[in-house]
Amino acid sequence: MKDPWRIYDDLLAGIPEGVEMVSYQSGFTWTRVRSSENSLGMAMTIPLTTRDSLSRGESLVGMPLKEAGALVKSWNFVEAAIGLAAINSWYNQPQRAEKCGFIHPCVSDQVREAFDVYFSECQGKKVAVIGHFPFIEQRLRGHCQLSVLERSPSMGDYPDTACEYILPEQDYVFITACTLVNKTLPRLLELSAGAKVVLVGPSTPLAPILFDWGIFGLSGFVSATPDALEAVLCGTDMMQLFQAGRMVDQINPARQASPGGRK
């Protein structure tokens, strides 16, 4: 990939002028940003601060949202999460999210988690998951040829460096959107070019431009009640997250969501 920053520039290009950041907070697990539209975006906090911040520690309140979003390019990952949350405060607003591709046909009132939405498609396939999601083994192992790649691997996981060897052989690849913060997403997409790729988790921007990067599905978080979501993110019980919003699974309108795996 000649310019891995292009995917970030594409995301930022969709944020208009005239919208500002009005508040932000880096929490232990989640970072949140509220925009002048009264929408709230979130991203997982990655506590890596070995590099100086692009903002030099100055307050970001009142900063244009596009400028705040550009902090996603920072190598200070706490700051980069603020940037991604700012991006999500624009794209993951309910009305915009509804226009991001088509809802996956397997979504229902009972089935809203990405690994359940894609369950039937993945059966018998080679499936890689970037990031050790909760209960991923119980959900998928035994139903597909599962490989879990993790930066801090648990027993049974592959280290994330195995991506160079494993991803080119997969039918489906689920990638945590935290890879936008740690800057590994461009390379992971390149390696996964032969698979159906789904970007997963509350950090996922529901931005149609991502479909142009070969992503098949976007599984992100949307809240129509920013005050309720902020209250949850300020607390300690993250299980209440889904009382303040819901996961949305959108698919690339240019491709068909039929079982089968490789393009």
C-alpha atoms as a PDB file:
ATOM      1  CA  MET A   1       0.000   0.000   0.000  1.00  0.00           C
ATOM      2  CA  LYS A   2       1.641   3.209  -1.190  1.00  0.00           C
ATOM      3  CA  ASP A   3      -0.018   5.623   1.233  1.00  0.00           C
ATOM      4  CA  PRO A   4      -1.592   4.035   4.333  1.00  0.00           C
ATOM      5  CA  TRP A   5      -2.740   7.486   5.526  1.00  0.00           C
ATOM      6  CA  ARG A   6      -5.289   7.714   2.709  1.00  0.00           C
ATOM      7  CA  ILE A   7      -7.904   5.725   4.607  1.00  0.00           C
ATOM      8  CA  TYR A   8      -7.696   8.305   7.409  1.00  0.00           C
ATOM      9  CA  ASP A   9      -7.869  11.201   4.975  1.00  0.00           C
ATOM     10  CA  ASP A  10     -10.940   9.645   3.356  1.00  0.00           C
ATOM     11  CA  LEU A  11     -12.696   9.422   6.726  1.00  0.00           C
ATOM     12  CA  LEU A  12     -11.832  13.023   7.565  1.00  0.00           C
ATOM     13  CA  ALA A  13     -12.952  14.299   4.166  1.00  0.00           C
ATOM     14  CA  GLY A  14     -16.530  13.337   4.995  1.00  0.00           C
ATOM     15  CA  ILE A  15     -16.696  15.597   8.061  1.00  0.00           C
ATOM     16  CA  PRO A  16     -17.891  19.102   7.118  1.00  0.00           C
ATOM     17  CA  GLU A  17     -16.757  22.448   8.427  1.00  0.00           C
ATOM     18  CA  GLY A  18     -18.884  24.187  11.028  1.00  0.00           C
ATOM     19  CA  VAL A  19     -19.104  21.300  13.509  1.00  0.00           C
ATOM     20  CA  GLU A  20     -17.038  21.518  16.705  1.00  0.00           C
ATOM     21  CA  MET A  21     -15.943  19.338  19.594  1.00  0.00           C
ATOM     22  CA  VAL A  22     -17.717  20.521  22.742  1.00  0.00           C
ATOM     23  CA  SER A  23     -16.420  17.930  25.233  1.00  0.00           C
ATOM     24  CA  TYR A  24     -14.207  14.858  25.427  1.00  0.00           C
ATOM     25  CA  GLN A  25     -12.867  12.404  27.966  1.00  0.00           C
ATOM     26  CA  SER A  26     -10.333   9.580  27.876  1.00  0.00           C
ATOM     27  CA  GLY A  27     -11.653   6.891  30.201  1.00  0.00           C
ATOM     28  CA  PHE A  28     -10.016   3.675  31.362  1.00  0.00           C
ATOM     29  CA  THR A  29     -11.836   1.598  28.726  1.00  0.00           C
ATOM     30  CA  TRP A  30     -13.623   4.043  26.426  1.00  0.00           C
ATOM     31  CA  THR A  31     -12.865   7.495  25.066  1.00  0.00           C
ATOM     32  CA  ARG A  32     -15.822   9.712  24.236  1.00  0.00           C
ATOM     33  CA  VAL A  33     -16.343  12.915  22.236  1.00  0.00           C
ATOM     34  CA  ARG A  34     -19.461  15.074  22.042  1.00  0.00           C
ATOM     35  CA  SER A  35     -19.966  17.311  19.028  1.00  0.00           C
ATOM     36  CA  SER A  36     -21.833  20.584  18.620  1.00  0.00           C
ATOM     37  CA  GLU A  37     -24.558  18.495  16.924  1.00  0.00           C
ATOM     38  CA  ASN A  38     -25.100  16.903  20.351  1.00  0.00           C
ATOM     39  CA  SER A  39     -23.959  13.534  19.040  1.00  0.00           C
ATOM     40  CA  LEU A  40     -21.579  11.310  20.983  1.00  0.00           C
ATOM     41  CA  GLY A  41     -18.802   9.200  19.496  1.00  0.00           C
ATOM     42  CA  MET A  42     -16.716   6.579  21.251  1.00  0.00           C
ATOM     43  CA  ALA A  43     -13.524   4.607  20.725  1.00  0.00           C
ATOM     44  CA  MET A  44     -11.618   2.135  22.841  1.00  0.00           C
ATOM     45  CA  THR A  45      -8.805   3.708  24.845  1.00  0.00           C
ATOM     46  CA  ILE A  46      -5.347   2.279  24.159  1.00  0.00           C
ATOM     47  CA  PRO A  47      -3.051   3.410  27.007  1.00  0.00           C
ATOM     48  CA  LEU A  48       0.120   3.989  24.997  1.00  0.00           C
ATOM     49  CA  THR A  49       1.673   7.439  25.364  1.00  0.00           C
ATOM     50  CA  THR A  50       5.316   6.942  24.452  1.00  0.00           C
ATOM     51  CA  ARG A  51       5.099   9.685  21.814  1.00  0.00           C
ATOM     52  CA  ASP A  52       4.229  13.338  22.366  1.00  0.00           C
ATOM     53  CA  SER A  53       0.688  14.409  21.558  1.00  0.00           C
ATOM     54  CA  LEU A  54      -0.019  16.380  18.393  1.00  0.00           C
ATOM     55  CA  SER A  55      -2.205  18.746  20.437  1.00  0.00           C
ATOM     56  CA  ARG A  56       0.663  19.375  22.909  1.00  0.00           C
ATOM     57  CA  GLY A  57      -1.716  18.831  25.795  1.00  0.00           C
ATOM     58  CA  GLU A  58      -3.863  21.878  24.998  1.00  0.00           C
ATOM     59  CA  SER A  59      -7.634  21.743  25.469  1.00  0.00           C
ATOM     60  CA  LEU A  60      -9.497  20.510  22.410  1.00  0.00           C
ATOM     61  CA  VAL A  61     -12.831  22.048  23.399  1.00  0.00           C
ATOM     62  CA  GLY A  62     -14.075  24.269  20.577  1.00  0.00           C
ATOM     63  CA  MET A  63     -11.765  22.675  18.017  1.00  0.00           C
ATOM     64  CA  PRO A  64     -13.364  21.973  14.602  1.00  0.00           C
ATOM     65  CA  LEU A  65     -14.497  18.354  14.610  1.00  0.00           C
ATOM     66  CA  LYS A  66     -12.527  17.561  11.458  1.00  0.00           C
ATOM     67  CA  GLU A  67      -9.362  18.906  13.079  1.00  0.00           C
ATOM     68  CA  ALA A  68     -10.065  16.914  16.233  1.00  0.00           C
ATOM     69  CA  GLY A  69     -10.648  13.843  14.089  1.00  0.00           C
ATOM     70  CA  ALA A  70      -7.226  14.274  12.501  1.00  0.00           C
ATOM     71  CA  LEU A  71      -5.725  13.368  15.889  1.00  0.00           C
ATOM     72  CA  VAL A  72      -6.449   9.765  14.902  1.00  0.00           C
ATOM     73  CA  LYS A  73      -3.130   9.997  13.050  1.00  0.00           C
ATOM     74  CA  SER A  74      -1.239  10.569  16.309  1.00  0.00           C
ATOM     75  CA  TRP A  75       1.269   7.945  17.462  1.00  0.00           C
ATOM     76  CA  ASN A  76       0.185   8.808  20.995  1.00  0.00           C
ATOM     77  CA  PHE A  77      -2.617   6.243  21.076  1.00  0.00           C
ATOM     78  CA  VAL A  78      -4.591   7.906  23.878  1.00  0.00           C
ATOM     79  CA  GLU A  79      -4.817  10.978  21.662  1.00  0.00           C
ATOM     80  CA  ALA A  80      -5.515   8.867  18.553  1.00  0.00           C
ATOM     81  CA  ALA A  81      -8.539   7.372  20.325  1.00  0.00           C
ATOM     82  CA  ILE A  82      -9.857  10.907  20.861  1.00  0.00           C
ATOM     83  CA  GLY A  83      -9.494  11.445  17.123  1.00  0.00           C
ATOM     84  CA  LEU A  84     -11.400   8.262  16.294  1.00  0.00           C
ATOM     85  CA  ALA A  85     -14.136   9.114  18.798  1.00  0.00           C
ATOM     86  CA  ALA A  86     -14.448  12.524  17.125  1.00  0.00           C
ATOM     87  CA  ILE A  87     -14.813  10.815  13.738  1.00  0.00           C
ATOM     88  CA  ASN A  88     -17.458   8.499  15.176  1.00  0.00           C
ATOM     89  CA  SER A  89     -19.381  11.406  16.683  1.00  0.00           C
ATOM     90  CA  TRP A  90     -20.056  12.444  13.081  1.00  0.00           C
ATOM     91  CA  TYR A  91     -20.622   9.146  11.267  1.00  0.00           C
ATOM     92  CA  ASN A  92     -22.331   7.122  14.003  1.00  0.00           C
ATOM     93  CA  GLN A  93     -25.246   9.485  14.409  1.00  0.00           C
ATOM     94  CA  PRO A  94     -28.458   7.428  13.832  1.00  0.00           C
ATOM     95  CA  GLN A  95     -29.701   9.133  10.659  1.00  0.00           C
ATOM     96  CA  ARG A  96     -26.287   8.926   8.971  1.00  0.00           C
ATOM     97  CA  ALA A  97     -25.715   5.342  10.056  1.00  0.00           C
ATOM     98  CA  GLU A  98     -28.973   4.295   8.406  1.00  0.00           C
ATOM     99  CA  LYS A  99     -27.618   5.531   5.067  1.00  0.00           C
ATOM    100  CA  CYS A 100     -24.355   3.594   5.383  1.00  0.00           C
ATOM    101  CA  GLY A 101     -24.891   0.679   3.020  1.00  0.00           C
ATOM    102  CA  PHE A 102     -27.628  -1.885   3.668  1.00  0.00           C
ATOM    103  CA  ILE A 103     -28.571  -3.644   6.898  1.00  0.00           C
ATOM    104  CA  HIS A 104     -27.252  -7.213   6.851  1.00  0.00           C
ATOM    105  CA  PRO A 105     -30.213  -9.491   6.063  1.00  0.00           C
ATOM    106  CA  CYS A 106     -29.572 -11.679   9.135  1.00  0.00           C
ATOM    107  CA  VAL A 107     -30.053  -8.794  11.581  1.00  0.00           C
ATOM    108  CA  SER A 108     -33.197  -9.150  13.690  1.00  0.00           C
ATOM    109  CA  ASP A 109     -34.467  -8.182  17.125  1.00  0.00           C
ATOM    110  CA  GLN A 110     -32.864 -11.377  18.433  1.00  0.00           C
ATOM    111  CA  VAL A 111     -29.667 -11.281  16.348  1.00  0.00           C
ATOM    112  CA  ARG A 112     -27.648  -8.075  16.541  1.00  0.00           C
ATOM    113  CA  GLU A 113     -24.087  -9.108  17.442  1.00  0.00           C
ATOM    114  CA  ALA A 114     -21.741  -9.319  14.438  1.00  0.00           C
ATOM    115  CA  PHE A 115     -20.525 -12.845  15.174  1.00  0.00           C
ATOM    116  CA  ASP A 116     -24.127 -14.039  15.383  1.00  0.00           C
ATOM    117  CA  VAL A 117     -25.162 -12.050  12.297  1.00  0.00           C
ATOM    118  CA  TYR A 118     -22.455 -13.749  10.218  1.00  0.00           C
ATOM    119  CA  PHE A 119     -22.681 -17.129  11.950  1.00  0.00           C
ATOM    120  CA  SER A 120     -24.355 -19.071   9.142  1.00  0.00           C
ATOM    121  CA  GLU A 121     -22.029 -17.612   6.520  1.00  0.00           C
ATOM    122  CA  CYS A 122     -18.933 -18.613   8.486  1.00  0.00           C
ATOM    123  CA  GLN A 123     -19.848 -22.245   9.104  1.00  0.00           C
ATOM    124  CA  GLY A 124     -17.196 -24.536   7.687  1.00  0.00           C
ATOM    125  CA  LYS A 125     -15.076 -21.587   6.502  1.00  0.00           C
ATOM    126  CA  LYS A 126     -11.634 -20.339   7.420  1.00  0.00           C
ATOM    127  CA  VAL A 127     -12.283 -17.434   9.783  1.00  0.00           C
ATOM    128  CA  ALA A 128      -9.746 -15.094  11.386  1.00  0.00           C
ATOM    129  CA  VAL A 129     -10.598 -12.646  14.158  1.00  0.00           C
ATOM    130  CA  ILE A 130      -8.215  -9.771  14.879  1.00  0.00           C
ATOM    131  CA  GLY A 131      -8.668  -9.023  18.565  1.00  0.00           C
ATOM    132  CA  HIS A 132      -9.794 -11.441  21.260  1.00  0.00           C
ATOM    133  CA  PHE A 133     -13.483 -10.576  21.604  1.00  0.00           C
ATOM    134  CA  PRO A 134     -15.406 -11.902  24.654  1.00  0.00           C
ATOM    135  CA  PHE A 135     -16.655 -15.479  24.286  1.00  0.00           C
ATOM    136  CA  ILE A 136     -15.388 -15.696  20.713  1.00  0.00           C
ATOM    137  CA  GLU A 137     -14.431 -19.373  21.116  1.00  0.00           C
ATOM    138  CA  GLN A 138     -17.892 -20.330  22.404  1.00  0.00           C
ATOM    139  CA  ARG A 139     -19.497 -18.481  19.497  1.00  0.00           C
ATOM    140  CA  LEU A 140     -17.430 -19.792  16.609  1.00  0.00           C
ATOM    141  CA  ARG A 141     -15.029 -22.599  17.524  1.00  0.00           C
ATOM    142  CA  GLY A 142     -16.278 -25.932  16.272  1.00  0.00           C
ATOM    143  CA  HIS A 143     -18.397 -24.246  13.612  1.00  0.00           C
ATOM    144  CA  CYS A 144     -15.514 -22.949  11.479  1.00  0.00           C
ATOM    145  CA  GLN A 145     -11.740 -23.087  11.203  1.00  0.00           C
ATOM    146  CA  LEU A 146     -11.119 -20.282  13.697  1.00  0.00           C
ATOM    147  CA  SER A 147      -7.883 -18.336  14.168  1.00  0.00           C
ATOM    148  CA  VAL A 148      -7.797 -15.582  16.797  1.00  0.00           C
ATOM    149  CA  LEU A 149      -4.934 -13.084  16.487  1.00  0.00           C
ATOM    150  CA  GLU A 150      -4.202 -10.851  19.455  1.00  0.00           C
ATOM    151  CA  ARG A 151      -1.517  -8.307  20.400  1.00  0.00           C
ATOM    152  CA  SER A 152      -1.584  -9.635  23.988  1.00  0.00           C
ATOM    153  CA  PRO A 153      -2.447 -13.266  23.247  1.00  0.00           C
ATOM    154  CA  SER A 154      -4.176 -15.681  25.605  1.00  0.00           C
ATOM    155  CA  MET A 155      -3.723 -19.448  25.476  1.00  0.00           C
ATOM    156  CA  GLY A 156      -4.812 -20.654  22.044  1.00  0.00           C
ATOM    157  CA  ASP A 157      -4.443 -17.249  20.353  1.00  0.00           C
ATOM    158  CA  TYR A 158      -1.925 -16.452  17.655  1.00  0.00           C
ATOM    159  CA  PRO A 159       0.298 -13.404  18.183  1.00  0.00           C
ATOM    160  CA  ASP A 160      -0.761 -10.565  15.898  1.00  0.00           C
ATOM    161  CA  THR A 161       2.458 -10.936  13.898  1.00  0.00           C
ATOM    162  CA  ALA A 162       0.984 -14.163  12.461  1.00  0.00           C
ATOM    163  CA  CYS A 163      -1.294 -11.984  10.318  1.00  0.00           C
ATOM    164  CA  GLU A 164       1.239 -12.015   7.477  1.00  0.00           C
ATOM    165  CA  TYR A 165       0.915 -15.801   7.226  1.00  0.00           C
ATOM    166  CA  ILE A 166      -2.714 -16.443   8.191  1.00  0.00           C
ATOM    167  CA  LEU A 167      -4.856 -13.667   6.687  1.00  0.00           C
ATOM    168  CA  PRO A 168      -4.172 -14.362   2.974  1.00  0.00           C
ATOM    169  CA  GLU A 169      -5.695 -17.847   3.406  1.00  0.00           C
ATOM    170  CA  GLN A 170      -8.966 -16.811   5.079  1.00  0.00           C
ATOM    171  CA  ASP A 171     -12.555 -16.722   3.827  1.00  0.00           C
ATOM    172  CA  TYR A 172     -13.752 -14.261   6.485  1.00  0.00           C
ATOM    173  CA  VAL A 173     -11.729 -11.782   8.540  1.00  0.00           C
ATOM    174  CA  PHE A 174     -13.217  -9.846  11.455  1.00  0.00           C
ATOM    175  CA  ILE A 175     -11.035  -6.889  12.481  1.00  0.00           C
ATOM    176  CA  THR A 176     -11.379  -4.816  15.627  1.00  0.00           C
ATOM    177  CA  ALA A 177     -11.729  -1.122  14.767  1.00  0.00           C
ATOM    178  CA  CYS A 178      -9.027  -0.392  17.359  1.00  0.00           C
ATOM    179  CA  THR A 179      -6.673  -1.088  14.458  1.00  0.00           C
ATOM    180  CA  LEU A 180      -7.506   2.422  13.237  1.00  0.00           C
ATOM    181  CA  VAL A 181      -5.936   3.739  16.448  1.00  0.00           C
ATOM    182  CA  ASN A 182      -2.822   1.546  16.364  1.00  0.00           C
ATOM    183  CA  LYS A 183      -2.439   2.103  12.587  1.00  0.00           C
ATOM    184  CA  THR A 184      -2.411  -1.564  11.574  1.00  0.00           C
ATOM    185  CA  LEU A 185      -5.694  -1.519   9.623  1.00  0.00           C
ATOM    186  CA  PRO A 186      -4.262  -0.537   6.203  1.00  0.00           C
ATOM    187  CA  ARG A 187      -1.881  -3.508   6.180  1.00  0.00           C
ATOM    188  CA  LEU A 188      -4.512  -5.897   7.568  1.00  0.00           C
ATOM    189  CA  LEU A 189      -6.868  -4.932   4.746  1.00  0.00           C
ATOM    190  CA  GLU A 190      -4.118  -5.525   2.229  1.00  0.00           C
ATOM    191  CA  LEU A 191      -3.446  -8.996   3.626  1.00  0.00           C
ATOM    192  CA  SER A 192      -7.174  -9.809   3.730  1.00  0.00           C
ATOM    193  CA  ALA A 193      -7.897  -8.872   0.117  1.00  0.00           C
ATOM    194  CA  GLY A 194      -9.140 -12.377  -0.677  1.00  0.00           C
ATOM    195  CA  ALA A 195     -11.646 -12.527   2.182  1.00  0.00           C
ATOM    196  CA  LYS A 196     -14.897 -10.943   3.235  1.00  0.00           C
ATOM    197  CA  VAL A 197     -13.747  -8.365   5.799  1.00  0.00           C
ATOM    198  CA  VAL A 198     -15.908  -7.043   8.626  1.00  0.00           C
ATOM    199  CA  LEU A 199     -14.784  -4.126  10.818  1.00  0.00           C
ATOM    200  CA  VAL A 200     -16.177  -4.825  14.278  1.00  0.00           C
ATOM    201  CA  GLY A 201     -16.815  -3.101  17.589  1.00  0.00           C
ATOM    202  CA  PRO A 202     -18.100   0.170  19.081  1.00  0.00           C
ATOM    203  CA  SER A 203     -15.008   1.947  17.722  1.00  0.00           C
ATOM    204  CA  THR A 204     -16.107   1.260  14.117  1.00  0.00           C
ATOM    205  CA  PRO A 205     -16.965   4.347  12.024  1.00  0.00           C
ATOM    206  CA  LEU A 206     -20.170   3.747  10.060  1.00  0.00           C
ATOM    207  CA  ALA A 207     -18.656   5.563   7.104  1.00  0.00           C
ATOM    208  CA  PRO A 208     -19.609   4.462   3.554  1.00  0.00           C
ATOM    209  CA  ILE A 209     -16.143   5.408   2.272  1.00  0.00           C
ATOM    210  CA  LEU A 210     -14.726   2.379   4.078  1.00  0.00           C
ATOM    211  CA  PHE A 211     -16.484   0.122   1.578  1.00  0.00           C
ATOM    212  CA  ASP A 212     -14.167   1.551  -1.069  1.00  0.00           C
ATOM    213  CA  TRP A 213     -11.300  -0.022   0.857  1.00  0.00           C
ATOM    214  CA  GLY A 214     -12.539  -3.571   0.305  1.00  0.00           C
ATOM    215  CA  ILE A 215     -14.457  -3.852   3.567  1.00  0.00           C
ATOM    216  CA  PHE A 216     -17.648  -5.884   3.233  1.00  0.00           C
ATOM    217  CA  GLY A 217     -19.337  -5.136   6.567  1.00  0.00           C
ATOM    218  CA  LEU A 218     -19.282  -2.452   9.249  1.00  0.00           C
ATOM    219  CA  SER A 219     -20.497  -3.410  12.707  1.00  0.00           C
ATOM    220  CA  GLY A 220     -20.565  -0.229  14.806  1.00  0.00           C
ATOM    221  CA  PHE A 221     -22.363   1.372  17.724  1.00  0.00           C
ATOM    222  CA  VAL A 222     -25.127   3.964  17.444  1.00  0.00           C
ATOM    223  CA  SER A 223     -26.896   5.880  20.200  1.00  0.00           C
ATOM    224  CA  ALA A 224     -29.894   8.169  19.854  1.00  0.00           C
ATOM    225  CA  THR A 225     -29.541   9.165  23.527  1.00  0.00           C
ATOM    226  CA  PRO A 226     -26.105  10.763  23.977  1.00  0.00           C
ATOM    227  CA  ASP A 227     -26.794  11.765  27.582  1.00  0.00           C
ATOM    228  CA  ALA A 228     -27.605   8.172  28.510  1.00  0.00           C
ATOM    229  CA  LEU A 229     -24.537   6.882  26.678  1.00  0.00           C
ATOM    230  CA  GLU A 230     -22.275   9.408  28.371  1.00  0.00           C
ATOM    231  CA  ALA A 231     -23.646   8.390  31.757  1.00  0.00           C
ATOM    232  CA  VAL A 232     -22.791   4.757  31.021  1.00  0.00           C
ATOM    233  CA  LEU A 233     -19.290   5.616  29.821  1.00  0.00           C
ATOM    234  CA  CYS A 234     -18.710   7.659  32.981  1.00  0.00           C
ATOM    235  CA  GLY A 235     -19.625   4.651  35.108  1.00  0.00           C
ATOM    236  CA  THR A 236     -18.021   1.290  35.778  1.00  0.00           C
ATOM    237  CA  ASP A 237     -20.638  -1.150  34.479  1.00  0.00           C
ATOM    238  CA  MET A 238     -19.970  -1.372  30.759  1.00  0.00           C
ATOM    239  CA  MET A 239     -22.634  -4.079  30.445  1.00  0.00           C
ATOM    240  CA  GLN A 240     -25.134  -1.217  30.506  1.00  0.00           C
ATOM    241  CA  LEU A 241     -23.703   0.092  27.229  1.00  0.00           C
ATOM    242  CA  PHE A 242     -26.441  -1.539  25.197  1.00  0.00           C
ATOM    243  CA  GLN A 243     -29.137   0.139  27.258  1.00  0.00           C
ATOM    244  CA  ALA A 244     -27.956   3.429  25.741  1.00  0.00           C
ATOM    245  CA  GLY A 245     -27.572   2.322  22.131  1.00  0.00           C
ATOM    246  CA  ARG A 246     -27.232  -0.628  19.779  1.00  0.00           C
ATOM    247  CA  MET A 247     -24.885  -2.287  17.359  1.00  0.00           C
ATOM    248  CA  VAL A 248     -25.617  -1.700  13.677  1.00  0.00           C
ATOM    249  CA  ASP A 249     -24.447  -4.104  10.960  1.00  0.00           C
ATOM    250  CA  GLN A 250     -24.248  -2.465   7.552  1.00  0.00           C
ATOM    251  CA  ILE A 251     -22.935  -4.129   4.399  1.00  0.00           C
ATOM    252  CA  ASN A 252     -21.398  -2.858   1.186  1.00  0.00           C
ATOM    253  CA  PRO A 253     -24.260  -2.054  -1.212  1.00  0.00           C
ATOM    254  CA  ALA A 254     -22.081  -3.097  -4.148  1.00  0.00           C
ATOM    255  CA  ARG A 255     -21.765  -6.691  -2.922  1.00  0.00           C
ATOM    256  CA  GLN A 256     -24.218  -9.439  -2.039  1.00  0.00           C
ATOM    257  CA  ALA A 257     -24.417 -10.807   1.505  1.00  0.00           C
ATOM    258  CA  SER A 258     -24.691 -14.446   0.513  1.00  0.00           C
ATOM    259  CA  PRO A 259     -22.735 -17.297   2.112  1.00  0.00           C
ATOM    260  CA  GLY A 260     -19.621 -18.287   0.265  1.00  0.00           C
ATOM    261  CA  GLY A 261     -16.539 -16.532   1.587  1.00  0.00           C
ATOM    262  CA  ARG A 262     -14.029 -15.528  -1.025  1.00  0.00           C
ATOM    263  CA  LYS A 263     -14.856 -12.809  -3.542  1.00  0.00           C
END
